[in-house]
Amino acid sequence: MSGARNNDGPAPHLLLALDQSTGTVLTQQRVAVKSNQRSPP
């Protein structure tokens, strides 16, 4: 999200659902922390 950073802190981290055939973002939600890695079992 380019330009989303403001004086209050870093840019928000978003989780979104994307239609891969059209490239359309179906929905997006702000998440508390950036994480795209799974913890080991």
PDB file of N, CA and C in Angstrom:
ATOM      1  N   MET A   1       0.851  -1.157   0.000  1.00  0.00           N
ATOM      2  CA  MET A   1       0.000   0.000   0.000  1.00  0.00           C
ATOM      3  C   MET A   1       0.903   1.228   0.000  1.00  0.00           C
ATOM      4  N   SER A   2       1.207   1.721  -1.126  1.00  0.00           N
ATOM      5  CA  SER A   2       2.116   2.844  -1.269  1.00  0.00           C
ATOM      6  C   SER A   2       1.516   4.114  -0.682  1.00  0.00           C
ATOM      7  N   GLY A   3       2.305   4.836   0.086  1.00  0.00           N
ATOM      8  CA  GLY A   3       1.850   6.097   0.653  1.00  0.00           C
ATOM      9  C   GLY A   3       0.980   5.953   1.883  1.00  0.00           C
ATOM     10  N   ALA A   4       0.891   4.766   2.465  1.00  0.00           N
ATOM     11  CA  ALA A   4       0.011   4.549   3.615  1.00  0.00           C
ATOM     12  C   ALA A   4       0.659   4.950   4.932  1.00  0.00           C
ATOM     13  N   ARG A   5       1.965   5.123   4.950  1.00  0.00           N
ATOM     14  CA  ARG A   5       2.653   5.495   6.190  1.00  0.00           C
ATOM     15  C   ARG A   5       2.264   6.920   6.568  1.00  0.00           C
ATOM     16  N   ASN A   6       2.136   7.153   7.881  1.00  0.00           N
ATOM     17  CA  ASN A   6       1.856   8.501   8.361  1.00  0.00           C
ATOM     18  C   ASN A   6       2.729   8.782   9.580  1.00  0.00           C
ATOM     19  N   ASN A   7       2.524   9.902  10.241  1.00  0.00           N
ATOM     20  CA  ASN A   7       3.340  10.275  11.396  1.00  0.00           C
ATOM     21  C   ASN A   7       3.081   9.397  12.613  1.00  0.00           C
ATOM     22  N   ASP A   8       1.999   8.635  12.624  1.00  0.00           N
ATOM     23  CA  ASP A   8       1.655   7.787  13.761  1.00  0.00           C
ATOM     24  C   ASP A   8       2.431   6.481  13.777  1.00  0.00           C
ATOM     25  N   GLY A   9       3.130   6.135  12.713  1.00  0.00           N
ATOM     26  CA  GLY A   9       3.884   4.888  12.702  1.00  0.00           C
ATOM     27  C   GLY A   9       4.012   4.328  11.309  1.00  0.00           C
ATOM     28  N   PRO A  10       4.375   3.048  11.239  1.00  0.00           N
ATOM     29  CA  PRO A  10       4.606   2.412   9.938  1.00  0.00           C
ATOM     30  C   PRO A  10       3.305   2.177   9.168  1.00  0.00           C
ATOM     31  N   ALA A  11       3.454   1.837   7.915  1.00  0.00           N
ATOM     32  CA  ALA A  11       2.295   1.521   7.072  1.00  0.00           C
ATOM     33  C   ALA A  11       1.560   0.306   7.637  1.00  0.00           C
ATOM     34  N   PRO A  12       0.242   0.239   7.461  1.00  0.00           N
ATOM     35  CA  PRO A  12      -0.519  -0.900   7.990  1.00  0.00           C
ATOM     36  C   PRO A  12      -0.196  -2.186   7.228  1.00  0.00           C
ATOM     37  N   HIS A  13      -0.353  -3.308   7.916  1.00  0.00           N
ATOM     38  CA  HIS A  13      -0.200  -4.618   7.294  1.00  0.00           C
ATOM     39  C   HIS A  13      -1.594  -5.120   6.948  1.00  0.00           C
ATOM     40  N   LEU A  14      -1.774  -5.550   5.708  1.00  0.00           N
ATOM     41  CA  LEU A  14      -3.090  -5.970   5.244  1.00  0.00           C
ATOM     42  C   LEU A  14      -3.072  -7.415   4.780  1.00  0.00           C
ATOM     43  N   LEU A  15      -4.148  -8.112   5.077  1.00  0.00           N
ATOM     44  CA  LEU A  15      -4.392  -9.453   4.567  1.00  0.00           C
ATOM     45  C   LEU A  15      -5.515  -9.296   3.556  1.00  0.00           C
ATOM     46  N   LEU A  16      -5.341  -9.840   2.343  1.00  0.00           N
ATOM     47  CA  LEU A  16      -6.388  -9.654   1.349  1.00  0.00           C
ATOM     48  C   LEU A  16      -6.682 -10.929   0.593  1.00  0.00           C
ATOM     49  N   ALA A  17      -7.886 -10.969   0.036  1.00  0.00           N
ATOM     50  CA  ALA A  17      -8.305 -12.061  -0.841  1.00  0.00           C
ATOM     51  C   ALA A  17      -8.294 -11.516  -2.260  1.00  0.00           C
ATOM     52  N   LEU A  18      -7.664 -12.268  -3.161  1.00  0.00           N
ATOM     53  CA  LEU A  18      -7.453 -11.808  -4.527  1.00  0.00           C
ATOM     54  C   LEU A  18      -8.015 -12.812  -5.516  1.00  0.00           C
ATOM     55  N   ASP A  19      -8.746 -12.326  -6.509  1.00  0.00           N
ATOM     56  CA  ASP A  19      -9.188 -13.170  -7.618  1.00  0.00           C
ATOM     57  C   ASP A  19      -8.034 -13.213  -8.612  1.00  0.00           C
ATOM     58  N   GLN A  20      -7.343 -14.348  -8.681  1.00  0.00           N
ATOM     59  CA  GLN A  20      -6.145 -14.431  -9.518  1.00  0.00           C
ATOM     60  C   GLN A  20      -6.443 -14.317 -11.003  1.00  0.00           C
ATOM     61  N   SER A  21      -7.625 -14.701 -11.433  1.00  0.00           N
ATOM     62  CA  SER A  21      -7.928 -14.634 -12.866  1.00  0.00           C
ATOM     63  C   SER A  21      -8.110 -13.198 -13.352  1.00  0.00           C
ATOM     64  N   THR A  22      -8.604 -12.311 -12.483  1.00  0.00           N
ATOM     65  CA  THR A  22      -8.832 -10.925 -12.893  1.00  0.00           C
ATOM     66  C   THR A  22      -7.903  -9.929 -12.209  1.00  0.00           C
ATOM     67  N   GLY A  23      -7.238 -10.378 -11.121  1.00  0.00           N
ATOM     68  CA  GLY A  23      -6.379  -9.472 -10.364  1.00  0.00           C
ATOM     69  C   GLY A  23      -7.159  -8.536  -9.460  1.00  0.00           C
ATOM     70  N   THR A  24      -8.424  -8.834  -9.240  1.00  0.00           N
ATOM     71  CA  THR A  24      -9.281  -7.991  -8.419  1.00  0.00           C
ATOM     72  C   THR A  24      -9.139  -8.337  -6.942  1.00  0.00           C
ATOM     73  N   VAL A  25      -8.979  -7.317  -6.110  1.00  0.00           N
ATOM     74  CA  VAL A  25      -8.975  -7.525  -4.662  1.00  0.00           C
ATOM     75  C   VAL A  25     -10.427  -7.648  -4.221  1.00  0.00           C
ATOM     76  N   LEU A  26     -10.762  -8.798  -3.620  1.00  0.00           N
ATOM     77  CA  LEU A  26     -12.135  -9.051  -3.204  1.00  0.00           C
ATOM     78  C   LEU A  26     -12.436  -8.447  -1.840  1.00  0.00           C
ATOM     79  N   THR A  27     -11.488  -8.538  -0.928  1.00  0.00           N
ATOM     80  CA  THR A  27     -11.634  -7.946   0.404  1.00  0.00           C
ATOM     81  C   THR A  27     -10.263  -7.785   1.019  1.00  0.00           C
ATOM     82  N   GLN A  28     -10.153  -6.895   1.985  1.00  0.00           N
ATOM     83  CA  GLN A  28      -8.899  -6.741   2.706  1.00  0.00           C
ATOM     84  C   GLN A  28      -9.196  -6.370   4.149  1.00  0.00           C
ATOM     85  N   GLN A  29      -8.328  -6.833   5.046  1.00  0.00           N
ATOM     86  CA  GLN A  29      -8.469  -6.560   6.467  1.00  0.00           C
ATOM     87  C   GLN A  29      -7.113  -6.158   7.025  1.00  0.00           C
ATOM     88  N   ARG A  30      -7.093  -5.169   7.877  1.00  0.00           N
ATOM     89  CA  ARG A  30      -5.863  -4.792   8.570  1.00  0.00           C
ATOM     90  C   ARG A  30      -5.553  -5.864   9.612  1.00  0.00           C
ATOM     91  N   VAL A  31      -4.301  -6.265   9.710  1.00  0.00           N
ATOM     92  CA  VAL A  31      -3.880  -7.251  10.704  1.00  0.00           C
ATOM     93  C   VAL A  31      -2.887  -6.596  11.656  1.00  0.00           C
ATOM     94  N   ALA A  32      -2.818  -7.125  12.877  1.00  0.00           N
ATOM     95  CA  ALA A  32      -2.017  -6.506  13.929  1.00  0.00           C
ATOM     96  C   ALA A  32      -0.515  -6.581  13.646  1.00  0.00           C
ATOM     97  N   VAL A  33      -0.036  -7.713  13.182  1.00  0.00           N
ATOM     98  CA  VAL A  33       1.397  -7.879  12.933  1.00  0.00           C
ATOM     99  C   VAL A  33       1.610  -8.511  11.573  1.00  0.00           C
ATOM    100  N   LYS A  34       2.732  -8.195  10.966  1.00  0.00           N
ATOM    101  CA  LYS A  34       3.062  -8.776   9.673  1.00  0.00           C
ATOM    102  C   LYS A  34       3.589 -10.184   9.898  1.00  0.00           C
ATOM    103  N   SER A  35       2.939 -11.163   9.313  1.00  0.00           N
ATOM    104  CA  SER A  35       3.399 -12.538   9.444  1.00  0.00           C
ATOM    105  C   SER A  35       2.906 -13.342   8.261  1.00  0.00           C
ATOM    106  N   ASN A  36       3.823 -13.903   7.517  1.00  0.00           N
ATOM    107  CA  ASN A  36       3.446 -14.791   6.429  1.00  0.00           C
ATOM    108  C   ASN A  36       4.166 -16.119   6.581  1.00  0.00           C
ATOM    109  N   GLN A  37       4.707 -16.356   7.769  1.00  0.00           N
ATOM    110  CA  GLN A  37       5.434 -17.586   8.031  1.00  0.00           C
ATOM    111  C   GLN A  37       4.694 -18.401   9.077  1.00  0.00           C
ATOM    112  N   ARG A  38       4.722 -19.710   8.882  1.00  0.00           N
ATOM    113  CA  ARG A  38       4.092 -20.608   9.837  1.00  0.00           C
ATOM    114  C   ARG A  38       5.112 -21.027  10.885  1.00  0.00           C
ATOM    115  N   SER A  39       4.642 -21.213  12.094  1.00  0.00           N
ATOM    116  CA  SER A  39       5.512 -21.703  13.161  1.00  0.00           C
ATOM    117  C   SER A  39       5.726 -23.194  12.992  1.00  0.00           C
ATOM    118  N   PRO A  40       6.910 -23.692  13.366  1.00  0.00           N
ATOM    119  CA  PRO A  40       7.139 -25.141  13.270  1.00  0.00           C
ATOM    120  C   PRO A  40       6.217 -25.894  14.225  1.00  0.00           C
ATOM    121  N   PRO A  41       5.840 -27.133  13.858  1.00  0.00           N
ATOM    122  CA  PRO A  41       4.917 -27.907  14.718  1.00  0.00           C
ATOM    123  C   PRO A  41       5.543 -28.286  16.043  1.00  0.00           C
TER     124      PRO A  41
END
